[in-house]
């Protein structure tokens, strides 16, 4: 069995689609896949905003980051042609017409296939994101864990 690792740094909708399509493809080929979500990529793992305070007290900057970052993958912007949010809707419409799964569906498929999703704890601290803010069933770790996974991988991607 081969091992693949993907660093998901970008929180852009189209890049999240690419990351999850690659992860699903590798998992379908019986490869072991680890996705390490850091900085803006953490948006993909956020729960829909439900309001209220969670976790540790935050600095003003952490509150600003946490408040400005999209709550869940389906709310992230496109890299290009965002058009103040309309671009994502247009992209979703074209994807649906071509039978391409949404980011949420791709993520669910990846989890079902055993893809390991890891949230970067250092990035969580910097951005004011608590474990309670993220979806259930993921792991939490730092860069040393990613590097250990990558050392064993035959393909390592940065998206």
N, C-alpha and C. Protein backbone atom coordinates (compact mmCIF):
# COMPACT_ATOMS: atom_id res chain seq x y z
N UNK A 1 0.85 -1.18 0.00
CA UNK A 1 0.00 0.00 0.00
C UNK A 1 0.89 1.24 0.00
N UNK A 2 0.57 2.18 -0.85
CA UNK A 2 1.27 3.45 -0.91
C UNK A 2 0.63 4.43 0.07
N UNK A 3 1.37 5.47 0.39
CA UNK A 3 0.87 6.48 1.31
C UNK A 3 0.98 7.85 0.67
N UNK A 4 -0.08 8.63 0.76
CA UNK A 4 -0.13 9.97 0.21
C UNK A 4 -0.43 10.95 1.34
N UNK A 5 0.21 12.13 1.31
CA UNK A 5 -0.12 13.19 2.24
C UNK A 5 -0.44 14.45 1.46
N UNK A 6 -1.39 15.19 1.98
CA UNK A 6 -1.80 16.44 1.35
C UNK A 6 -1.87 17.51 2.43
N UNK A 7 -1.10 18.57 2.27
CA UNK A 7 -1.25 19.74 3.13
C UNK A 7 -2.31 20.61 2.48
N UNK A 8 -3.36 20.90 3.22
CA UNK A 8 -4.42 21.77 2.72
C UNK A 8 -4.24 23.12 3.41
N UNK A 9 -3.54 24.03 2.73
CA UNK A 9 -3.24 25.36 3.23
C UNK A 9 -4.30 26.36 2.78
N UNK A 10 -4.80 26.18 1.58
CA UNK A 10 -5.76 27.12 1.00
C UNK A 10 -7.17 26.83 1.49
N UNK A 11 -7.93 27.89 1.70
CA UNK A 11 -9.33 27.75 2.04
C UNK A 11 -10.23 28.12 0.88
N UNK A 12 -9.69 28.12 -0.33
CA UNK A 12 -10.49 28.44 -1.51
C UNK A 12 -11.30 27.23 -1.95
N UNK A 13 -12.54 27.47 -2.31
CA UNK A 13 -13.47 26.39 -2.66
C UNK A 13 -12.92 25.47 -3.73
N UNK A 14 -12.40 26.04 -4.81
CA UNK A 14 -11.91 25.22 -5.92
C UNK A 14 -10.68 24.40 -5.52
N UNK A 15 -9.84 24.95 -4.66
CA UNK A 15 -8.66 24.20 -4.20
C UNK A 15 -9.06 23.09 -3.23
N UNK A 16 -10.09 23.33 -2.43
CA UNK A 16 -10.60 22.28 -1.55
C UNK A 16 -11.18 21.13 -2.37
N UNK A 17 -11.89 21.48 -3.45
CA UNK A 17 -12.42 20.45 -4.36
C UNK A 17 -11.27 19.60 -4.89
N UNK A 18 -10.21 20.26 -5.38
CA UNK A 18 -9.06 19.53 -5.93
C UNK A 18 -8.43 18.63 -4.88
N UNK A 19 -8.24 19.15 -3.67
CA UNK A 19 -7.62 18.35 -2.61
C UNK A 19 -8.45 17.11 -2.29
N UNK A 20 -9.76 17.28 -2.19
CA UNK A 20 -10.61 16.13 -1.85
C UNK A 20 -10.78 15.16 -3.02
N UNK A 21 -10.77 15.65 -4.24
CA UNK A 21 -10.82 14.74 -5.39
C UNK A 21 -9.56 13.87 -5.43
N UNK A 22 -8.41 14.49 -5.21
CA UNK A 22 -7.16 13.72 -5.18
C UNK A 22 -7.17 12.73 -4.03
N UNK A 23 -7.61 13.16 -2.86
CA UNK A 23 -7.66 12.26 -1.70
C UNK A 23 -8.59 11.08 -1.96
N UNK A 24 -9.76 11.34 -2.54
CA UNK A 24 -10.70 10.27 -2.84
C UNK A 24 -10.15 9.32 -3.88
N UNK A 25 -9.49 9.87 -4.90
CA UNK A 25 -8.89 9.02 -5.93
C UNK A 25 -7.82 8.11 -5.36
N UNK A 26 -6.96 8.67 -4.52
CA UNK A 26 -5.90 7.86 -3.92
C UNK A 26 -6.48 6.80 -2.98
N UNK A 27 -7.49 7.17 -2.20
CA UNK A 27 -8.12 6.20 -1.30
C UNK A 27 -8.81 5.09 -2.10
N UNK A 28 -9.42 5.44 -3.22
CA UNK A 28 -10.07 4.44 -4.07
C UNK A 28 -9.06 3.45 -4.66
N UNK A 29 -7.80 3.89 -4.75
CA UNK A 29 -6.73 3.01 -5.24
C UNK A 29 -6.06 2.26 -4.08
N UNK A 30 -6.73 2.27 -2.93
CA UNK A 30 -6.26 1.60 -1.71
C UNK A 30 -4.97 2.19 -1.14
N UNK A 31 -4.75 3.47 -1.40
CA UNK A 31 -3.62 4.17 -0.77
C UNK A 31 -4.07 4.70 0.58
N UNK A 32 -3.12 4.79 1.50
CA UNK A 32 -3.37 5.43 2.78
C UNK A 32 -3.21 6.93 2.56
N UNK A 33 -4.20 7.71 2.97
CA UNK A 33 -4.19 9.14 2.70
C UNK A 33 -4.36 9.93 3.99
N UNK A 34 -3.48 10.93 4.17
CA UNK A 34 -3.58 11.86 5.29
C UNK A 34 -3.68 13.26 4.73
N UNK A 35 -4.69 13.99 5.20
CA UNK A 35 -4.84 15.40 4.83
C UNK A 35 -4.58 16.23 6.08
N UNK A 36 -3.63 17.16 5.99
CA UNK A 36 -3.23 18.01 7.11
C UNK A 36 -3.71 19.43 6.80
N UNK A 37 -4.70 19.91 7.57
CA UNK A 37 -5.32 21.21 7.33
C UNK A 37 -4.66 22.27 8.21
N UNK A 38 -4.11 23.29 7.55
CA UNK A 38 -3.42 24.34 8.27
C UNK A 38 -3.87 25.71 7.76
N UNK A 39 -3.72 26.72 8.58
CA UNK A 39 -4.13 28.09 8.29
C UNK A 39 -5.50 28.12 7.61
N UNK A 40 -5.61 28.72 6.43
CA UNK A 40 -6.93 28.94 5.81
C UNK A 40 -7.62 27.63 5.45
N UNK A 41 -6.87 26.57 5.28
CA UNK A 41 -7.46 25.26 4.99
C UNK A 41 -8.36 24.76 6.11
N UNK A 42 -8.15 25.27 7.33
CA UNK A 42 -9.00 24.87 8.46
C UNK A 42 -10.47 25.21 8.24
N UNK A 43 -10.75 26.17 7.36
CA UNK A 43 -12.15 26.53 7.06
C UNK A 43 -12.95 25.31 6.61
N UNK A 44 -12.30 24.39 5.92
CA UNK A 44 -12.98 23.20 5.43
C UNK A 44 -13.51 22.33 6.56
N UNK A 45 -12.88 22.45 7.73
CA UNK A 45 -13.25 21.60 8.86
C UNK A 45 -14.16 22.29 9.87
N UNK A 46 -14.48 23.54 9.61
CA UNK A 46 -15.31 24.27 10.57
C UNK A 46 -16.76 23.83 10.50
N UNK A 47 -17.39 23.80 11.66
CA UNK A 47 -18.83 23.55 11.74
C UNK A 47 -19.56 24.80 11.26
N UNK A 48 -20.79 24.62 10.78
CA UNK A 48 -21.58 25.82 10.47
C UNK A 48 -21.68 26.69 11.72
N UNK A 49 -21.65 28.00 11.53
CA UNK A 49 -21.66 28.93 12.65
C UNK A 49 -22.95 28.78 13.44
N UNK A 50 -22.80 28.55 14.73
CA UNK A 50 -23.97 28.43 15.58
C UNK A 50 -24.01 29.52 16.64
N UNK A 51 -23.00 30.37 16.66
CA UNK A 51 -22.95 31.46 17.63
C UNK A 51 -22.51 30.99 19.00
N UNK A 52 -22.35 31.93 19.90
CA UNK A 52 -21.92 31.60 21.25
C UNK A 52 -20.42 31.46 21.36
N UNK A 53 -19.95 31.45 22.60
CA UNK A 53 -18.52 31.34 22.85
C UNK A 53 -18.14 29.88 23.06
N UNK A 54 -16.96 29.53 22.57
CA UNK A 54 -16.44 28.19 22.76
C UNK A 54 -14.98 28.28 23.18
N UNK A 55 -14.52 27.27 23.89
CA UNK A 55 -13.09 27.11 24.17
C UNK A 55 -12.45 28.21 24.99
N UNK A 56 -11.17 28.39 24.74
CA UNK A 56 -10.31 29.32 25.47
C UNK A 56 -10.63 30.77 25.13
N UNK A 57 -10.32 31.68 26.08
CA UNK A 57 -10.46 33.12 25.76
C UNK A 57 -9.54 33.47 24.59
N UNK A 58 -10.00 34.41 23.76
CA UNK A 58 -9.25 34.78 22.56
C UNK A 58 -8.80 36.23 22.63
N UNK A 59 -7.66 36.51 21.99
CA UNK A 59 -7.22 37.89 21.86
C UNK A 59 -8.10 38.58 20.82
N UNK A 60 -7.98 39.90 20.74
CA UNK A 60 -8.78 40.64 19.75
C UNK A 60 -8.46 40.17 18.33
N UNK A 61 -7.18 39.90 18.04
CA UNK A 61 -6.79 39.44 16.71
C UNK A 61 -7.34 38.05 16.43
N UNK A 62 -7.30 37.17 17.41
CA UNK A 62 -7.86 35.82 17.23
C UNK A 62 -9.37 35.90 16.99
N UNK A 63 -10.05 36.77 17.72
CA UNK A 63 -11.50 36.94 17.51
C UNK A 63 -11.78 37.44 16.10
N UNK A 64 -10.92 38.37 15.63
CA UNK A 64 -11.10 38.90 14.28
C UNK A 64 -10.92 37.80 13.24
N UNK A 65 -9.82 37.02 13.35
CA UNK A 65 -9.58 35.92 12.41
C UNK A 65 -10.75 34.93 12.44
N UNK A 66 -11.11 34.48 13.64
CA UNK A 66 -12.17 33.47 13.77
C UNK A 66 -13.49 33.99 13.22
N UNK A 67 -13.76 35.28 13.41
CA UNK A 67 -15.00 35.86 12.91
C UNK A 67 -15.02 36.05 11.40
N UNK A 68 -13.86 36.33 10.82
CA UNK A 68 -13.80 36.62 9.38
C UNK A 68 -13.68 35.36 8.53
N UNK A 69 -13.18 34.27 9.10
CA UNK A 69 -13.01 33.05 8.32
C UNK A 69 -14.36 32.40 8.04
N UNK A 70 -14.53 31.84 6.85
CA UNK A 70 -15.79 31.16 6.54
C UNK A 70 -16.07 30.00 7.50
N UNK A 71 -17.33 29.83 7.80
CA UNK A 71 -17.77 28.72 8.64
C UNK A 71 -18.25 27.60 7.73
N UNK A 72 -17.41 26.67 7.43
CA UNK A 72 -17.61 25.45 6.65
C UNK A 72 -17.14 25.61 5.21
N UNK A 73 -16.82 24.50 4.61
CA UNK A 73 -16.23 24.47 3.27
C UNK A 73 -17.14 25.07 2.20
N UNK A 74 -18.42 24.86 2.32
CA UNK A 74 -19.35 25.33 1.30
C UNK A 74 -19.48 26.85 1.26
N UNK A 75 -18.91 27.54 2.23
CA UNK A 75 -18.98 29.00 2.28
C UNK A 75 -17.68 29.68 1.86
N UNK A 76 -16.67 28.90 1.46
CA UNK A 76 -15.38 29.47 1.10
C UNK A 76 -15.43 30.10 -0.30
N UNK A 77 -14.58 31.10 -0.56
CA UNK A 77 -14.59 31.76 -1.87
C UNK A 77 -13.83 30.96 -2.92
N UNK A 78 -14.04 31.32 -4.17
CA UNK A 78 -13.24 30.76 -5.27
C UNK A 78 -11.90 31.49 -5.35
N UNK A 79 -10.90 30.84 -5.90
CA UNK A 79 -9.60 31.48 -6.10
C UNK A 79 -9.72 32.62 -7.10
N UNK A 80 -10.38 32.37 -8.19
CA UNK A 80 -10.60 33.35 -9.26
C UNK A 80 -12.10 33.44 -9.54
N UNK A 81 -12.52 34.55 -10.10
CA UNK A 81 -13.91 34.75 -10.52
C UNK A 81 -14.91 34.56 -9.38
N UNK A 82 -14.56 35.08 -8.22
CA UNK A 82 -15.43 34.94 -7.05
C UNK A 82 -16.70 35.80 -7.19
N UNK A 83 -16.56 36.98 -7.78
CA UNK A 83 -17.69 37.88 -8.04
C UNK A 83 -18.57 38.11 -6.80
N UNK A 84 -17.92 38.44 -5.68
CA UNK A 84 -18.62 38.72 -4.42
C UNK A 84 -19.56 37.59 -4.00
N UNK A 85 -19.14 36.36 -4.22
CA UNK A 85 -19.91 35.20 -3.79
C UNK A 85 -20.70 34.53 -4.89
N UNK A 86 -20.99 35.24 -5.96
CA UNK A 86 -21.78 34.64 -7.05
C UNK A 86 -21.00 33.56 -7.78
N UNK A 87 -19.70 33.71 -7.87
CA UNK A 87 -18.88 32.75 -8.60
C UNK A 87 -18.98 31.35 -8.02
N UNK A 88 -18.98 31.26 -6.68
CA UNK A 88 -19.10 29.96 -6.03
C UNK A 88 -20.43 29.29 -6.39
N UNK A 89 -21.50 30.08 -6.38
CA UNK A 89 -22.81 29.54 -6.75
C UNK A 89 -22.84 29.06 -8.19
N UNK A 90 -22.24 29.82 -9.08
CA UNK A 90 -22.17 29.41 -10.48
C UNK A 90 -21.34 28.14 -10.64
N UNK A 91 -20.22 28.08 -9.91
CA UNK A 91 -19.38 26.89 -9.96
C UNK A 91 -20.13 25.67 -9.46
N UNK A 92 -20.86 25.83 -8.37
CA UNK A 92 -21.64 24.72 -7.82
C UNK A 92 -22.69 24.24 -8.83
N UNK A 93 -23.32 25.18 -9.52
CA UNK A 93 -24.34 24.82 -10.51
C UNK A 93 -23.73 24.01 -11.65
N UNK A 94 -22.59 24.46 -12.16
CA UNK A 94 -21.92 23.74 -13.25
C UNK A 94 -21.46 22.36 -12.76
N UNK A 95 -20.91 22.31 -11.55
CA UNK A 95 -20.46 21.03 -11.01
C UNK A 95 -21.61 20.05 -10.89
N UNK A 96 -22.74 20.53 -10.37
CA UNK A 96 -23.91 19.66 -10.22
C UNK A 96 -24.38 19.13 -11.57
N UNK A 97 -24.38 20.00 -12.59
CA UNK A 97 -24.82 19.59 -13.93
C UNK A 97 -23.87 18.56 -14.54
N UNK A 98 -22.63 18.54 -14.07
CA UNK A 98 -21.63 17.59 -14.58
C UNK A 98 -21.42 16.43 -13.62
N UNK A 99 -22.32 16.30 -12.64
CA UNK A 99 -22.27 15.22 -11.64
C UNK A 99 -20.98 15.20 -10.83
N UNK A 100 -20.45 16.38 -10.52
CA UNK A 100 -19.29 16.50 -9.64
C UNK A 100 -19.82 16.78 -8.24
N UNK A 101 -19.33 16.05 -7.27
CA UNK A 101 -19.78 16.22 -5.89
C UNK A 101 -19.34 17.57 -5.32
N UNK A 102 -20.09 18.05 -4.35
CA UNK A 102 -19.73 19.28 -3.63
C UNK A 102 -18.56 18.96 -2.68
N UNK A 103 -17.99 20.00 -2.11
CA UNK A 103 -16.90 19.80 -1.16
C UNK A 103 -17.37 18.95 0.01
N UNK A 104 -18.56 19.23 0.53
CA UNK A 104 -19.08 18.45 1.66
C UNK A 104 -19.25 16.98 1.29
N UNK A 105 -19.75 16.70 0.10
CA UNK A 105 -19.92 15.32 -0.35
C UNK A 105 -18.56 14.64 -0.55
N UNK A 106 -17.61 15.38 -1.12
CA UNK A 106 -16.26 14.83 -1.31
C UNK A 106 -15.60 14.53 0.03
N UNK A 107 -15.80 15.42 1.00
CA UNK A 107 -15.25 15.20 2.33
C UNK A 107 -15.87 13.96 2.98
N UNK A 108 -17.18 13.83 2.88
CA UNK A 108 -17.86 12.67 3.45
C UNK A 108 -17.37 11.38 2.80
N UNK A 109 -17.18 11.40 1.49
CA UNK A 109 -16.67 10.24 0.77
C UNK A 109 -15.25 9.90 1.23
N UNK A 110 -14.43 10.93 1.41
CA UNK A 110 -13.05 10.71 1.87
C UNK A 110 -13.04 10.05 3.25
N UNK A 111 -13.85 10.58 4.15
CA UNK A 111 -13.92 10.01 5.51
C UNK A 111 -14.40 8.57 5.44
N UNK A 112 -15.41 8.32 4.62
CA UNK A 112 -15.95 6.96 4.46
C UNK A 112 -14.88 5.99 3.96
N UNK A 113 -13.96 6.50 3.13
CA UNK A 113 -12.90 5.65 2.59
C UNK A 113 -11.68 5.55 3.51
N UNK A 114 -11.76 6.20 4.68
CA UNK A 114 -10.67 6.10 5.64
C UNK A 114 -9.59 7.15 5.53
N UNK A 115 -9.82 8.22 4.78
CA UNK A 115 -8.84 9.30 4.70
C UNK A 115 -8.76 9.96 6.08
N UNK A 116 -7.54 10.16 6.56
CA UNK A 116 -7.31 10.77 7.86
C UNK A 116 -7.27 12.28 7.70
N UNK A 117 -8.12 12.99 8.47
CA UNK A 117 -8.17 14.44 8.45
C UNK A 117 -7.55 14.95 9.74
N UNK A 118 -6.50 15.77 9.62
CA UNK A 118 -5.79 16.30 10.79
C UNK A 118 -5.83 17.82 10.76
N UNK A 119 -6.26 18.43 11.87
CA UNK A 119 -6.25 19.88 12.01
C UNK A 119 -4.96 20.29 12.70
N UNK A 120 -4.29 21.29 12.17
CA UNK A 120 -3.03 21.80 12.72
C UNK A 120 -3.34 22.62 13.98
N UNK A 121 -2.85 22.14 15.11
CA UNK A 121 -3.14 22.81 16.38
C UNK A 121 -2.48 24.18 16.48
N UNK A 122 -1.30 24.35 15.91
CA UNK A 122 -0.65 25.66 15.94
C UNK A 122 -1.47 26.69 15.17
N UNK A 123 -1.95 26.31 13.99
CA UNK A 123 -2.79 27.22 13.19
C UNK A 123 -4.10 27.51 13.92
N UNK A 124 -4.65 26.51 14.58
CA UNK A 124 -5.87 26.72 15.35
C UNK A 124 -5.64 27.79 16.42
N UNK A 125 -4.53 27.68 17.12
CA UNK A 125 -4.19 28.66 18.16
C UNK A 125 -4.05 30.06 17.57
N UNK A 126 -3.31 30.18 16.48
CA UNK A 126 -3.07 31.48 15.86
C UNK A 126 -4.37 32.12 15.39
N UNK A 127 -5.26 31.32 14.80
CA UNK A 127 -6.50 31.84 14.21
C UNK A 127 -7.67 31.89 15.19
N UNK A 128 -7.46 31.46 16.43
CA UNK A 128 -8.53 31.51 17.42
C UNK A 128 -9.62 30.50 17.17
N UNK A 129 -9.25 29.35 16.64
CA UNK A 129 -10.21 28.28 16.36
C UNK A 129 -10.05 27.20 17.43
N UNK A 130 -11.15 26.82 18.07
CA UNK A 130 -11.15 25.79 19.11
C UNK A 130 -11.64 24.47 18.54
N UNK A 131 -11.34 23.38 19.23
CA UNK A 131 -11.80 22.05 18.80
C UNK A 131 -13.32 22.02 18.66
N UNK A 132 -14.01 22.75 19.52
CA UNK A 132 -15.47 22.79 19.47
C UNK A 132 -15.98 23.45 18.19
N UNK A 133 -15.12 24.22 17.53
CA UNK A 133 -15.50 24.91 16.30
C UNK A 133 -15.40 24.00 15.07
N UNK A 134 -14.74 22.86 15.23
CA UNK A 134 -14.47 21.98 14.09
C UNK A 134 -15.37 20.74 14.12
N UNK A 135 -15.51 20.12 12.96
CA UNK A 135 -16.37 18.94 12.83
C UNK A 135 -15.86 17.78 13.67
N UNK A 136 -16.73 16.87 13.95
CA UNK A 136 -16.36 15.68 14.73
C UNK A 136 -15.60 14.68 13.87
N UNK A 137 -14.84 13.82 14.53
CA UNK A 137 -14.18 12.71 13.84
C UNK A 137 -12.84 13.03 13.21
N UNK A 138 -12.27 14.19 13.52
CA UNK A 138 -10.96 14.53 12.97
C UNK A 138 -9.90 14.40 14.06
N UNK A 139 -8.64 14.46 13.64
CA UNK A 139 -7.53 14.40 14.59
C UNK A 139 -6.90 15.78 14.70
N UNK A 140 -6.13 15.97 15.77
CA UNK A 140 -5.46 17.24 16.03
C UNK A 140 -3.98 16.95 16.25
N UNK A 141 -3.12 17.71 15.59
CA UNK A 141 -1.68 17.47 15.73
C UNK A 141 -0.91 18.67 15.21
N UNK A 142 0.39 18.62 15.43
CA UNK A 142 1.29 19.67 14.96
C UNK A 142 2.09 19.21 13.77
N UNK A 143 3.04 20.05 13.38
CA UNK A 143 3.82 19.81 12.17
C UNK A 143 4.65 18.53 12.28
N UNK A 144 5.10 18.15 13.47
CA UNK A 144 5.90 16.93 13.61
C UNK A 144 5.10 15.70 13.16
N UNK A 145 3.82 15.69 13.45
CA UNK A 145 2.97 14.57 13.01
C UNK A 145 2.87 14.54 11.50
N UNK A 146 2.65 15.73 10.90
CA UNK A 146 2.59 15.77 9.44
C UNK A 146 3.91 15.28 8.83
N UNK A 147 5.02 15.75 9.36
CA UNK A 147 6.33 15.36 8.80
C UNK A 147 6.56 13.86 8.93
N UNK A 148 6.13 13.27 10.03
CA UNK A 148 6.26 11.82 10.19
C UNK A 148 5.44 11.08 9.14
N UNK A 149 4.23 11.58 8.88
CA UNK A 149 3.37 10.98 7.85
C UNK A 149 4.02 11.16 6.47
N UNK A 150 4.53 12.36 6.21
CA UNK A 150 5.13 12.66 4.91
C UNK A 150 6.38 11.83 4.66
N UNK A 151 7.16 11.56 5.71
CA UNK A 151 8.36 10.73 5.57
C UNK A 151 8.03 9.35 5.01
N UNK A 152 6.85 8.86 5.33
CA UNK A 152 6.43 7.54 4.88
C UNK A 152 5.71 7.59 3.52
N UNK A 153 5.35 8.79 3.08
CA UNK A 153 4.57 8.92 1.86
C UNK A 153 5.41 8.90 0.61
N UNK A 154 4.82 8.40 -0.47
CA UNK A 154 5.51 8.45 -1.77
C UNK A 154 5.02 9.62 -2.61
N UNK A 155 3.94 10.29 -2.16
CA UNK A 155 3.46 11.51 -2.80
C UNK A 155 3.06 12.47 -1.68
N UNK A 156 3.58 13.69 -1.74
CA UNK A 156 3.26 14.73 -0.77
C UNK A 156 2.87 15.99 -1.55
N UNK A 157 1.65 16.45 -1.34
CA UNK A 157 1.13 17.60 -2.08
C UNK A 157 0.85 18.77 -1.15
N UNK A 158 0.99 19.97 -1.68
CA UNK A 158 0.70 21.20 -0.95
C UNK A 158 -0.34 21.96 -1.76
N UNK A 159 -1.54 22.07 -1.21
CA UNK A 159 -2.64 22.73 -1.93
C UNK A 159 -3.16 23.89 -1.09
